[in-house]
Amino acid sequence: LLSAAELNKIDPNSLKLVSLNPSACSQTTKDILYAKAKRAFSDQHN
């Protein structure tokens, strides 16, 4: 239900503390959340 504007306000580090699965969302929502999740977990990439 979150709009693109609302999604863009999410601090990527917040995703480390929650369990979300946007697979049923719009492609725009999935694209935005993937970019934020990638940033959030970048320190664990290896």
All heavy atoms as atom14 arrays in JSON, in Angstrom:
{
  "sequence": "LLSAAELNKIDPNSLKLVSLNPSACSQTTKDILYAKAKRAFSDQHN",
  "atom14_mask": [
    [1, 1, 1, 1, 1, 1, 1, 1, 0, 0, 0, 0, 0, 0],
    [1, 1, 1, 1, 1, 1, 1, 1, 0, 0, 0, 0, 0, 0],
    [1, 1, 1, 1, 1, 1, 0, 0, 0, 0, 0, 0, 0, 0],
    [1, 1, 1, 1, 1, 0, 0, 0, 0, 0, 0, 0, 0, 0],
    [1, 1, 1, 1, 1, 0, 0, 0, 0, 0, 0, 0, 0, 0],
    [1, 1, 1, 1, 1, 1, 1, 1, 1, 0, 0, 0, 0, 0],
    [1, 1, 1, 1, 1, 1, 1, 1, 0, 0, 0, 0, 0, 0],
    [1, 1, 1, 1, 1, 1, 1, 1, 0, 0, 0, 0, 0, 0],
    [1, 1, 1, 1, 1, 1, 1, 1, 1, 0, 0, 0, 0, 0],
    [1, 1, 1, 1, 1, 1, 1, 1, 0, 0, 0, 0, 0, 0],
    [1, 1, 1, 1, 1, 1, 1, 1, 0, 0, 0, 0, 0, 0],
    [1, 1, 1, 1, 1, 1, 1, 0, 0, 0, 0, 0, 0, 0],
    [1, 1, 1, 1, 1, 1, 1, 1, 0, 0, 0, 0, 0, 0],
    [1, 1, 1, 1, 1, 1, 0, 0, 0, 0, 0, 0, 0, 0],
    [1, 1, 1, 1, 1, 1, 1, 1, 0, 0, 0, 0, 0, 0],
    [1, 1, 1, 1, 1, 1, 1, 1, 1, 0, 0, 0, 0, 0],
    [1, 1, 1, 1, 1, 1, 1, 1, 0, 0, 0, 0, 0, 0],
    [1, 1, 1, 1, 1, 1, 1, 0, 0, 0, 0, 0, 0, 0],
    [1, 1, 1, 1, 1, 1, 0, 0, 0, 0, 0, 0, 0, 0],
    [1, 1, 1, 1, 1, 1, 1, 1, 0, 0, 0, 0, 0, 0],
    [1, 1, 1, 1, 1, 1, 1, 1, 0, 0, 0, 0, 0, 0],
    [1, 1, 1, 1, 1, 1, 1, 0, 0, 0, 0, 0, 0, 0],
    [1, 1, 1, 1, 1, 1, 0, 0, 0, 0, 0, 0, 0, 0],
    [1, 1, 1, 1, 1, 0, 0, 0, 0, 0, 0, 0, 0, 0],
    [1, 1, 1, 1, 1, 1, 0, 0, 0, 0, 0, 0, 0, 0],
    [1, 1, 1, 1, 1, 1, 0, 0, 0, 0, 0, 0, 0, 0],
    [1, 1, 1, 1, 1, 1, 1, 1, 1, 0, 0, 0, 0, 0],
    [1, 1, 1, 1, 1, 1, 1, 0, 0, 0, 0, 0, 0, 0],
    [1, 1, 1, 1, 1, 1, 1, 0, 0, 0, 0, 0, 0, 0],
    [1, 1, 1, 1, 1, 1, 1, 1, 1, 0, 0, 0, 0, 0],
    [1, 1, 1, 1, 1, 1, 1, 1, 0, 0, 0, 0, 0, 0],
    [1, 1, 1, 1, 1, 1, 1, 1, 0, 0, 0, 0, 0, 0],
    [1, 1, 1, 1, 1, 1, 1, 1, 0, 0, 0, 0, 0, 0],
    [1, 1, 1, 1, 1, 1, 1, 1, 1, 1, 1, 1, 0, 0],
    [1, 1, 1, 1, 1, 0, 0, 0, 0, 0, 0, 0, 0, 0],
    [1, 1, 1, 1, 1, 1, 1, 1, 1, 0, 0, 0, 0, 0],
    [1, 1, 1, 1, 1, 0, 0, 0, 0, 0, 0, 0, 0, 0],
    [1, 1, 1, 1, 1, 1, 1, 1, 1, 0, 0, 0, 0, 0],
    [1, 1, 1, 1, 1, 1, 1, 1, 1, 1, 1, 0, 0, 0],
    [1, 1, 1, 1, 1, 0, 0, 0, 0, 0, 0, 0, 0, 0],
    [1, 1, 1, 1, 1, 1, 1, 1, 1, 1, 1, 0, 0, 0],
    [1, 1, 1, 1, 1, 1, 0, 0, 0, 0, 0, 0, 0, 0],
    [1, 1, 1, 1, 1, 1, 1, 1, 0, 0, 0, 0, 0, 0],
    [1, 1, 1, 1, 1, 1, 1, 1, 1, 0, 0, 0, 0, 0],
    [1, 1, 1, 1, 1, 1, 1, 1, 1, 1, 0, 0, 0, 0],
    [1, 1, 1, 1, 1, 1, 1, 1, 0, 0, 0, 0, 0, 0]
  ],
  "atom14_positions": [
    [[0.81, -1.22, 0.0], [0.0, 0.0, 0.0], [0.85, 1.27, 0.0], [0.34, 2.35, -0.28], [-0.93, 0.02, 1.22], [-1.95, -1.11, 1.32], [-2.74, -0.98, 2.63], [-2.91, -1.08, 0.13], [0.0, 0.0, 0.0], [0.0, 0.0, 0.0], [0.0, 0.0, 0.0], [0.0, 0.0, 0.0], [0.0, 0.0, 0.0], [0.0, 0.0, 0.0]],
    [[2.12, 1.14, 0.31], [2.99, 2.31, 0.38], [3.22, 2.88, -1.02], [3.5, 2.14, -1.96], [4.33, 1.95, 1.03], [4.28, 1.5, 2.49], [5.65, 1.07, 2.96], [3.75, 2.62, 3.38], [0.0, 0.0, 0.0], [0.0, 0.0, 0.0], [0.0, 0.0, 0.0], [0.0, 0.0, 0.0], [0.0, 0.0, 0.0], [0.0, 0.0, 0.0]],
    [[3.15, 4.18, -1.12], [3.41, 4.85, -2.4], [4.92, 4.93, -2.64], [5.72, 4.71, -1.71], [2.82, 6.26, -2.39], [3.51, 7.08, -1.45], [0.0, 0.0, 0.0], [0.0, 0.0, 0.0], [0.0, 0.0, 0.0], [0.0, 0.0, 0.0], [0.0, 0.0, 0.0], [0.0, 0.0, 0.0], [0.0, 0.0, 0.0], [0.0, 0.0, 0.0]],
    [[5.3, 5.28, -3.86], [6.72, 5.41, -4.18], [7.37, 6.48, -3.31], [8.51, 6.31, -2.85], [6.89, 5.74, -5.66], [0.0, 0.0, 0.0], [0.0, 0.0, 0.0], [0.0, 0.0, 0.0], [0.0, 0.0, 0.0], [0.0, 0.0, 0.0], [0.0, 0.0, 0.0], [0.0, 0.0, 0.0], [0.0, 0.0, 0.0], [0.0, 0.0, 0.0]],
    [[6.66, 7.58, -3.08], [7.2, 8.66, -2.24], [7.43, 8.17, -0.82], [8.45, 8.51, -0.18], [6.24, 9.85, -2.24], [0.0, 0.0, 0.0], [0.0, 0.0, 0.0], [0.0, 0.0, 0.0], [0.0, 0.0, 0.0], [0.0, 0.0, 0.0], [0.0, 0.0, 0.0], [0.0, 0.0, 0.0], [0.0, 0.0, 0.0], [0.0, 0.0, 0.0]],
    [[6.5, 7.38, -0.29], [6.64, 6.86, 1.07], [7.78, 5.84, 1.14], [8.56, 5.83, 2.09], [5.32, 6.23, 1.52], [4.22, 7.26, 1.72], [2.83, 6.65, 1.77], [2.67, 5.47, 1.39], [1.9, 7.38, 2.15], [0.0, 0.0, 0.0], [0.0, 0.0, 0.0], [0.0, 0.0, 0.0], [0.0, 0.0, 0.0], [0.0, 0.0, 0.0]],
    [[7.88, 4.98, 0.13], [8.94, 3.98, 0.1], [10.32, 4.63, 0.08], [11.26, 4.15, 0.71], [8.77, 3.07, -1.12], [7.58, 2.11, -1.1], [7.35, 1.54, -2.49], [7.8, 1.0, -0.1], [0.0, 0.0, 0.0], [0.0, 0.0, 0.0], [0.0, 0.0, 0.0], [0.0, 0.0, 0.0], [0.0, 0.0, 0.0], [0.0, 0.0, 0.0]],
    [[10.43, 5.72, -0.67], [11.73, 6.39, -0.79], [12.18, 7.05, 0.51], [13.35, 7.39, 0.65], [11.66, 7.43, -1.92], [11.75, 6.79, -3.29], [12.54, 5.88, -3.52], [10.93, 7.26, -4.23], [0.0, 0.0, 0.0], [0.0, 0.0, 0.0], [0.0, 0.0, 0.0], [0.0, 0.0, 0.0], [0.0, 0.0, 0.0], [0.0, 0.0, 0.0]],
    [[11.25, 7.23, 1.45], [11.6, 7.84, 2.74], [12.12, 6.81, 3.74], [12.6, 7.18, 4.81], [10.37, 8.54, 3.32], [9.92, 9.77, 2.54], [8.69, 10.4, 3.17], [8.24, 11.62, 2.38], [7.01, 12.22, 2.97], [0.0, 0.0, 0.0], [0.0, 0.0, 0.0], [0.0, 0.0, 0.0], [0.0, 0.0, 0.0], [0.0, 0.0, 0.0]],
    [[12.03, 5.53, 3.4], [12.48, 4.48, 4.31], [14.0, 4.48, 4.44], [14.71, 4.5, 3.44], [12.0, 3.09, 3.83], [10.48, 3.02, 3.85], [12.6, 1.98, 4.67], [9.92, 1.73, 3.26], [0.0, 0.0, 0.0], [0.0, 0.0, 0.0], [0.0, 0.0, 0.0], [0.0, 0.0, 0.0], [0.0, 0.0, 0.0], [0.0, 0.0, 0.0]],
    [[14.48, 4.45, 5.65], [15.92, 4.33, 5.9], [16.31, 2.88, 5.62], [15.74, 1.96, 6.22], [16.23, 4.68, 7.36], [17.72, 4.59, 7.68], [18.5, 4.14, 6.81], [18.09, 4.93, 8.81], [0.0, 0.0, 0.0], [0.0, 0.0, 0.0], [0.0, 0.0, 0.0], [0.0, 0.0, 0.0], [0.0, 0.0, 0.0], [0.0, 0.0, 0.0]],
    [[17.24, 2.63, 4.69], [17.62, 1.24, 4.36], [17.96, 0.41, 5.59], [17.64, -0.79, 5.64], [18.84, 1.43, 3.45], [18.61, 2.75, 2.8], [17.97, 3.6, 3.86], [0.0, 0.0, 0.0], [0.0, 0.0, 0.0], [0.0, 0.0, 0.0], [0.0, 0.0, 0.0], [0.0, 0.0, 0.0], [0.0, 0.0, 0.0], [0.0, 0.0, 0.0]],
    [[18.59, 1.0, 6.59], [18.99, 0.24, 7.78], [17.79, -0.31, 8.54], [17.92, -1.27, 9.3], [19.84, 1.11, 8.7], [21.22, 1.37, 8.12], [21.83, 0.48, 7.52], [21.72, 2.58, 8.26], [0.0, 0.0, 0.0], [0.0, 0.0, 0.0], [0.0, 0.0, 0.0], [0.0, 0.0, 0.0], [0.0, 0.0, 0.0], [0.0, 0.0, 0.0]],
    [[16.61, 0.29, 8.32], [15.41, -0.21, 8.99], [15.07, -1.62, 8.52], [14.45, -2.4, 9.26], [14.23, 0.72, 8.73], [14.46, 2.01, 9.26], [0.0, 0.0, 0.0], [0.0, 0.0, 0.0], [0.0, 0.0, 0.0], [0.0, 0.0, 0.0], [0.0, 0.0, 0.0], [0.0, 0.0, 0.0], [0.0, 0.0, 0.0], [0.0, 0.0, 0.0]],
    [[15.45, -1.94, 7.28], [15.12, -3.26, 6.73], [15.89, -4.38, 7.42], [15.53, -5.55, 7.3], [15.4, -3.28, 5.22], [14.56, -2.32, 4.37], [14.91, -2.47, 2.9], [13.07, -2.57, 4.58], [0.0, 0.0, 0.0], [0.0, 0.0, 0.0], [0.0, 0.0, 0.0], [0.0, 0.0, 0.0], [0.0, 0.0, 0.0], [0.0, 0.0, 0.0]],
    [[16.94, -4.03, 8.14], [17.7, -5.04, 8.88], [16.9, -5.56, 10.07], [17.2, -6.65, 10.59], [19.02, -4.45, 9.38], [20.03, -4.14, 8.3], [21.32, -3.61, 8.92], [22.39, -3.36, 7.88], [23.66, -2.88, 8.5], [0.0, 0.0, 0.0], [0.0, 0.0, 0.0], [0.0, 0.0, 0.0], [0.0, 0.0, 0.0], [0.0, 0.0, 0.0]],
    [[15.92, -4.78, 10.51], [15.21, -5.1, 11.74], [13.79, -5.61, 11.52], [13.06, -5.85, 12.48], [15.15, -3.85, 12.64], [16.51, -3.19, 12.95], [16.29, -1.89, 13.7], [17.38, -4.14, 13.76], [0.0, 0.0, 0.0], [0.0, 0.0, 0.0], [0.0, 0.0, 0.0], [0.0, 0.0, 0.0], [0.0, 0.0, 0.0], [0.0, 0.0, 0.0]],
    [[13.4, -5.75, 10.26], [12.04, -6.21, 9.96], [12.08, -7.37, 8.97], [13.1, -7.63, 8.34], [11.19, -5.06, 9.37], [11.01, -3.95, 10.38], [11.79, -4.53, 8.07], [0.0, 0.0, 0.0], [0.0, 0.0, 0.0], [0.0, 0.0, 0.0], [0.0, 0.0, 0.0], [0.0, 0.0, 0.0], [0.0, 0.0, 0.0], [0.0, 0.0, 0.0]],
    [[10.95, -8.05, 8.86], [10.83, -9.15, 7.91], [9.72, -8.81, 6.93], [8.53, -8.87, 7.28], [10.51, -10.45, 8.65], [10.34, -11.52, 7.74], [0.0, 0.0, 0.0], [0.0, 0.0, 0.0], [0.0, 0.0, 0.0], [0.0, 0.0, 0.0], [0.0, 0.0, 0.0], [0.0, 0.0, 0.0], [0.0, 0.0, 0.0], [0.0, 0.0, 0.0]],
    [[10.1, -8.43, 5.71], [9.14, -8.07, 4.68], [9.32, -8.96, 3.46], [10.42, -9.43, 3.19], [9.32, -6.6, 4.27], [9.1, -5.53, 5.33], [9.43, -4.15, 4.76], [7.67, -5.56, 5.86], [0.0, 0.0, 0.0], [0.0, 0.0, 0.0], [0.0, 0.0, 0.0], [0.0, 0.0, 0.0], [0.0, 0.0, 0.0], [0.0, 0.0, 0.0]],
    [[8.24, -9.15, 2.73], [8.31, -9.89, 1.46], [7.4, -9.18, 0.46], [6.19, -9.41, 0.45], [7.87, -11.33, 1.64], [8.11, -12.17, 0.39], [8.18, -11.63, -0.72], [8.26, -13.47, 0.55], [0.0, 0.0, 0.0], [0.0, 0.0, 0.0], [0.0, 0.0, 0.0], [0.0, 0.0, 0.0], [0.0, 0.0, 0.0], [0.0, 0.0, 0.0]],
    [[7.98, -8.32, -0.39], [7.18, -7.54, -1.34], [6.9, -8.25, -2.66], [6.57, -7.6, -3.66], [8.05, -6.3, -1.56], [9.45, -6.84, -1.45], [9.4, -7.94, -0.44], [0.0, 0.0, 0.0], [0.0, 0.0, 0.0], [0.0, 0.0, 0.0], [0.0, 0.0, 0.0], [0.0, 0.0, 0.0], [0.0, 0.0, 0.0], [0.0, 0.0, 0.0]],
    [[7.02, -9.57, -2.71], [6.89, -10.29, -3.98], [5.52, -10.13, -4.63], [5.39, -10.31, -5.83], [7.19, -11.78, -3.78], [6.29, -12.36, -2.84], [0.0, 0.0, 0.0], [0.0, 0.0, 0.0], [0.0, 0.0, 0.0], [0.0, 0.0, 0.0], [0.0, 0.0, 0.0], [0.0, 0.0, 0.0], [0.0, 0.0, 0.0], [0.0, 0.0, 0.0]],
    [[4.5, -9.79, -3.84], [3.16, -9.62, -4.4], [2.87, -8.16, -4.76], [1.76, -7.86, -5.23], [2.11, -10.12, -3.41], [0.0, 0.0, 0.0], [0.0, 0.0, 0.0], [0.0, 0.0, 0.0], [0.0, 0.0, 0.0], [0.0, 0.0, 0.0], [0.0, 0.0, 0.0], [0.0, 0.0, 0.0], [0.0, 0.0, 0.0], [0.0, 0.0, 0.0]],
    [[3.83, -7.29, -4.57], [3.62, -5.85, -4.8], [3.87, -5.49, -6.27], [4.27, -6.32, -7.07], [4.55, -5.04, -3.91], [4.3, -5.27, -2.15], [0.0, 0.0, 0.0], [0.0, 0.0, 0.0], [0.0, 0.0, 0.0], [0.0, 0.0, 0.0], [0.0, 0.0, 0.0], [0.0, 0.0, 0.0], [0.0, 0.0, 0.0], [0.0, 0.0, 0.0]],
    [[3.66, -4.22, -6.58], [3.91, -3.73, -7.93], [5.41, -3.77, -8.21], [6.24, -3.82, -7.28], [3.41, -2.29, -8.07], [4.2, -1.41, -7.28], [0.0, 0.0, 0.0], [0.0, 0.0, 0.0], [0.0, 0.0, 0.0], [0.0, 0.0, 0.0], [0.0, 0.0, 0.0], [0.0, 0.0, 0.0], [0.0, 0.0, 0.0], [0.0, 0.0, 0.0]],
    [[5.77, -3.71, -9.5], [7.18, -3.75, -9.85], [7.93, -2.53, -9.31], [9.08, -2.63, -8.89], [7.34, -3.83, -11.37], [8.76, -4.14, -11.82], [9.26, -5.46, -11.26], [8.65, -6.5, -11.46], [10.38, -5.43, -10.54], [0.0, 0.0, 0.0], [0.0, 0.0, 0.0], [0.0, 0.0, 0.0], [0.0, 0.0, 0.0], [0.0, 0.0, 0.0]],
    [[7.27, -1.39, -9.27], [7.9, -0.18, -8.72], [8.27, -0.38, -7.26], [9.38, -0.04, -6.83], [6.96, 1.03, -8.85], [6.7, 1.28, -10.23], [7.58, 2.28, -8.22], [0.0, 0.0, 0.0], [0.0, 0.0, 0.0], [0.0, 0.0, 0.0], [0.0, 0.0, 0.0], [0.0, 0.0, 0.0], [0.0, 0.0, 0.0], [0.0, 0.0, 0.0]],
    [[7.34, -0.95, -6.48], [7.6, -1.22, -5.06], [8.76, -2.18, -4.9], [9.66, -1.97, -4.08], [6.34, -1.79, -4.4], [5.31, -0.8, -4.41], [6.62, -2.19, -2.95], [0.0, 0.0, 0.0], [0.0, 0.0, 0.0], [0.0, 0.0, 0.0], [0.0, 0.0, 0.0], [0.0, 0.0, 0.0], [0.0, 0.0, 0.0], [0.0, 0.0, 0.0]],
    [[8.76, -3.25, -5.7], [9.84, -4.24, -5.61], [11.19, -3.64, -5.98], [12.21, -3.94, -5.35], [9.51, -5.44, -6.49], [8.37, -6.29, -5.94], [8.15, -7.57, -6.72], [7.38, -7.32, -7.98], [6.96, -8.6, -8.63], [0.0, 0.0, 0.0], [0.0, 0.0, 0.0], [0.0, 0.0, 0.0], [0.0, 0.0, 0.0], [0.0, 0.0, 0.0]],
    [[11.21, -2.79, -7.0], [12.46, -2.15, -7.43], [13.04, -1.26, -6.33], [14.24, -1.29, -6.05], [12.23, -1.33, -8.7], [11.94, -2.19, -9.92], [12.13, -3.42, -9.84], [11.51, -1.63, -10.95], [0.0, 0.0, 0.0], [0.0, 0.0, 0.0], [0.0, 0.0, 0.0], [0.0, 0.0, 0.0], [0.0, 0.0, 0.0], [0.0, 0.0, 0.0]],
    [[12.17, -0.45, -5.71], [12.62, 0.47, -4.67], [13.13, -0.28, -3.45], [14.2, 0.02, -2.9], [11.49, 1.44, -4.28], [11.15, 2.37, -5.45], [11.89, 2.28, -3.05], [9.94, 3.25, -5.21], [0.0, 0.0, 0.0], [0.0, 0.0, 0.0], [0.0, 0.0, 0.0], [0.0, 0.0, 0.0], [0.0, 0.0, 0.0], [0.0, 0.0, 0.0]],
    [[12.36, -1.28, -3.01], [12.75, -2.02, -1.81], [13.99, -2.88, -2.04], [14.81, -3.05, -1.14], [11.59, -2.88, -1.32], [10.45, -2.12, -0.66], [9.33, -3.07, -0.25], [10.95, -1.35, 0.57], [0.0, 0.0, 0.0], [0.0, 0.0, 0.0], [0.0, 0.0, 0.0], [0.0, 0.0, 0.0], [0.0, 0.0, 0.0], [0.0, 0.0, 0.0]],
    [[14.17, -3.39, -3.27], [15.39, -4.15, -3.54], [16.61, -3.26, -3.41], [17.62, -3.64, -2.79], [15.36, -4.78, -4.93], [16.72, -5.36, -5.29], [17.15, -6.54, -4.71], [17.6, -4.68, -6.14], [18.41, -7.05, -4.98], [18.85, -5.18, -6.42], [19.26, -6.37, -5.84], [20.52, -6.86, -6.08], [0.0, 0.0, 0.0], [0.0, 0.0, 0.0]],
    [[16.55, -2.07, -3.99], [17.69, -1.15, -3.93], [18.03, -0.8, -2.48], [19.21, -0.71, -2.1], [17.37, 0.12, -4.72], [0.0, 0.0, 0.0], [0.0, 0.0, 0.0], [0.0, 0.0, 0.0], [0.0, 0.0, 0.0], [0.0, 0.0, 0.0], [0.0, 0.0, 0.0], [0.0, 0.0, 0.0], [0.0, 0.0, 0.0], [0.0, 0.0, 0.0]],
    [[16.99, -0.63, -1.64], [17.23, -0.3, -0.24], [17.77, -1.5, 0.53], [18.66, -1.38, 1.37], [15.93, 0.21, 0.41], [15.54, 1.61, -0.08], [14.34, 2.16, 0.64], [14.08, 3.6, 0.19], [15.12, 4.54, 0.67], [0.0, 0.0, 0.0], [0.0, 0.0, 0.0], [0.0, 0.0, 0.0], [0.0, 0.0, 0.0], [0.0, 0.0, 0.0]],
    [[17.24, -2.7, 0.22], [17.74, -3.91, 0.88], [19.19, -4.19, 0.5], [20.0, -4.61, 1.34], [16.85, -5.09, 0.52], [0.0, 0.0, 0.0], [0.0, 0.0, 0.0], [0.0, 0.0, 0.0], [0.0, 0.0, 0.0], [0.0, 0.0, 0.0], [0.0, 0.0, 0.0], [0.0, 0.0, 0.0], [0.0, 0.0, 0.0], [0.0, 0.0, 0.0]],
    [[19.53, -3.94, -0.75], [20.91, -4.14, -1.2], [21.86, -3.24, -0.42], [22.95, -3.67, -0.01], [21.0, -3.85, -2.71], [22.39, -4.08, -3.29], [22.41, -3.76, -4.78], [23.82, -3.93, -5.35], [23.87, -3.6, -6.8], [0.0, 0.0, 0.0], [0.0, 0.0, 0.0], [0.0, 0.0, 0.0], [0.0, 0.0, 0.0], [0.0, 0.0, 0.0]],
    [[21.45, -2.0, -0.2], [22.26, -1.07, 0.6], [22.32, -1.51, 2.04], [23.38, -1.48, 2.68], [21.68, 0.35, 0.51], [21.95, 1.07, -0.78], [21.37, 2.48, -0.73], [21.9, 3.25, 0.39], [21.4, 4.41, 0.8], [20.34, 4.93, 0.18], [21.94, 5.05, 1.82], [0.0, 0.0, 0.0], [0.0, 0.0, 0.0], [0.0, 0.0, 0.0]],
    [[21.19, -1.95, 2.58], [21.12, -2.33, 4.0], [22.05, -3.48, 4.32], [22.7, -3.49, 5.37], [19.68, -2.69, 4.36], [0.0, 0.0, 0.0], [0.0, 0.0, 0.0], [0.0, 0.0, 0.0], [0.0, 0.0, 0.0], [0.0, 0.0, 0.0], [0.0, 0.0, 0.0], [0.0, 0.0, 0.0], [0.0, 0.0, 0.0], [0.0, 0.0, 0.0]],
    [[22.15, -4.45, 3.42], [22.94, -5.66, 3.69], [24.26, -5.69, 2.93], [24.9, -6.74, 2.84], [22.11, -6.9, 3.35], [20.82, -6.99, 4.13], [19.61, -6.82, 3.48], [20.83, -7.23, 5.49], [18.41, -6.89, 4.19], [19.64, -7.31, 6.21], [18.43, -7.13, 5.56], [0.0, 0.0, 0.0], [0.0, 0.0, 0.0], [0.0, 0.0, 0.0]],
    [[24.67, -4.55, 2.4], [25.9, -4.5, 1.6], [27.13, -4.91, 2.4], [28.08, -5.47, 1.83], [26.1, -3.1, 1.02], [26.2, -2.13, 2.06], [0.0, 0.0, 0.0], [0.0, 0.0, 0.0], [0.0, 0.0, 0.0], [0.0, 0.0, 0.0], [0.0, 0.0, 0.0], [0.0, 0.0, 0.0], [0.0, 0.0, 0.0], [0.0, 0.0, 0.0]],
    [[27.1, -4.67, 3.71], [28.27, -5.03, 4.53], [28.39, -6.54, 4.73], [29.4, -7.03, 5.22], [28.2, -4.33, 5.9], [26.93, -4.67, 6.66], [25.95, -5.1, 6.03], [26.92, -4.51, 7.9], [0.0, 0.0, 0.0], [0.0, 0.0, 0.0], [0.0, 0.0, 0.0], [0.0, 0.0, 0.0], [0.0, 0.0, 0.0], [0.0, 0.0, 0.0]],
    [[27.35, -7.29, 4.33], [27.38, -8.75, 4.47], [27.47, -9.44, 3.11], [27.23, -10.65, 3.01], [26.11, -9.22, 5.19], [25.89, -8.6, 6.55], [24.6, -9.05, 7.2], [24.19, -10.21, 7.06], [23.93, -8.16, 7.91], [0.0, 0.0, 0.0], [0.0, 0.0, 0.0], [0.0, 0.0, 0.0], [0.0, 0.0, 0.0], [0.0, 0.0, 0.0]],
    [[27.82, -8.68, 2.09], [27.77, -9.2, 0.72], [28.61, -10.44, 0.53], [28.27, -11.31, -0.29], [28.2, -8.12, -0.27], [27.85, -8.44, -1.68], [28.66, -9.2, -2.5], [26.75, -8.14, -2.42], [28.09, -9.34, -3.68], [26.94, -8.71, -3.67], [0.0, 0.0, 0.0], [0.0, 0.0, 0.0], [0.0, 0.0, 0.0], [0.0, 0.0, 0.0]],
    [[29.68, -10.57, 1.23], [30.57, -11.72, 1.06], [30.29, -12.84, 2.06], [31.05, -13.8, 2.15], [32.03, -11.27, 1.18], [32.43, -10.32, 0.06], [32.05, -10.52, -1.09], [33.2, -9.29, 0.4], [0.0, 0.0, 0.0], [0.0, 0.0, 0.0], [0.0, 0.0, 0.0], [0.0, 0.0, 0.0], [0.0, 0.0, 0.0], [0.0, 0.0, 0.0]]
  ]
}
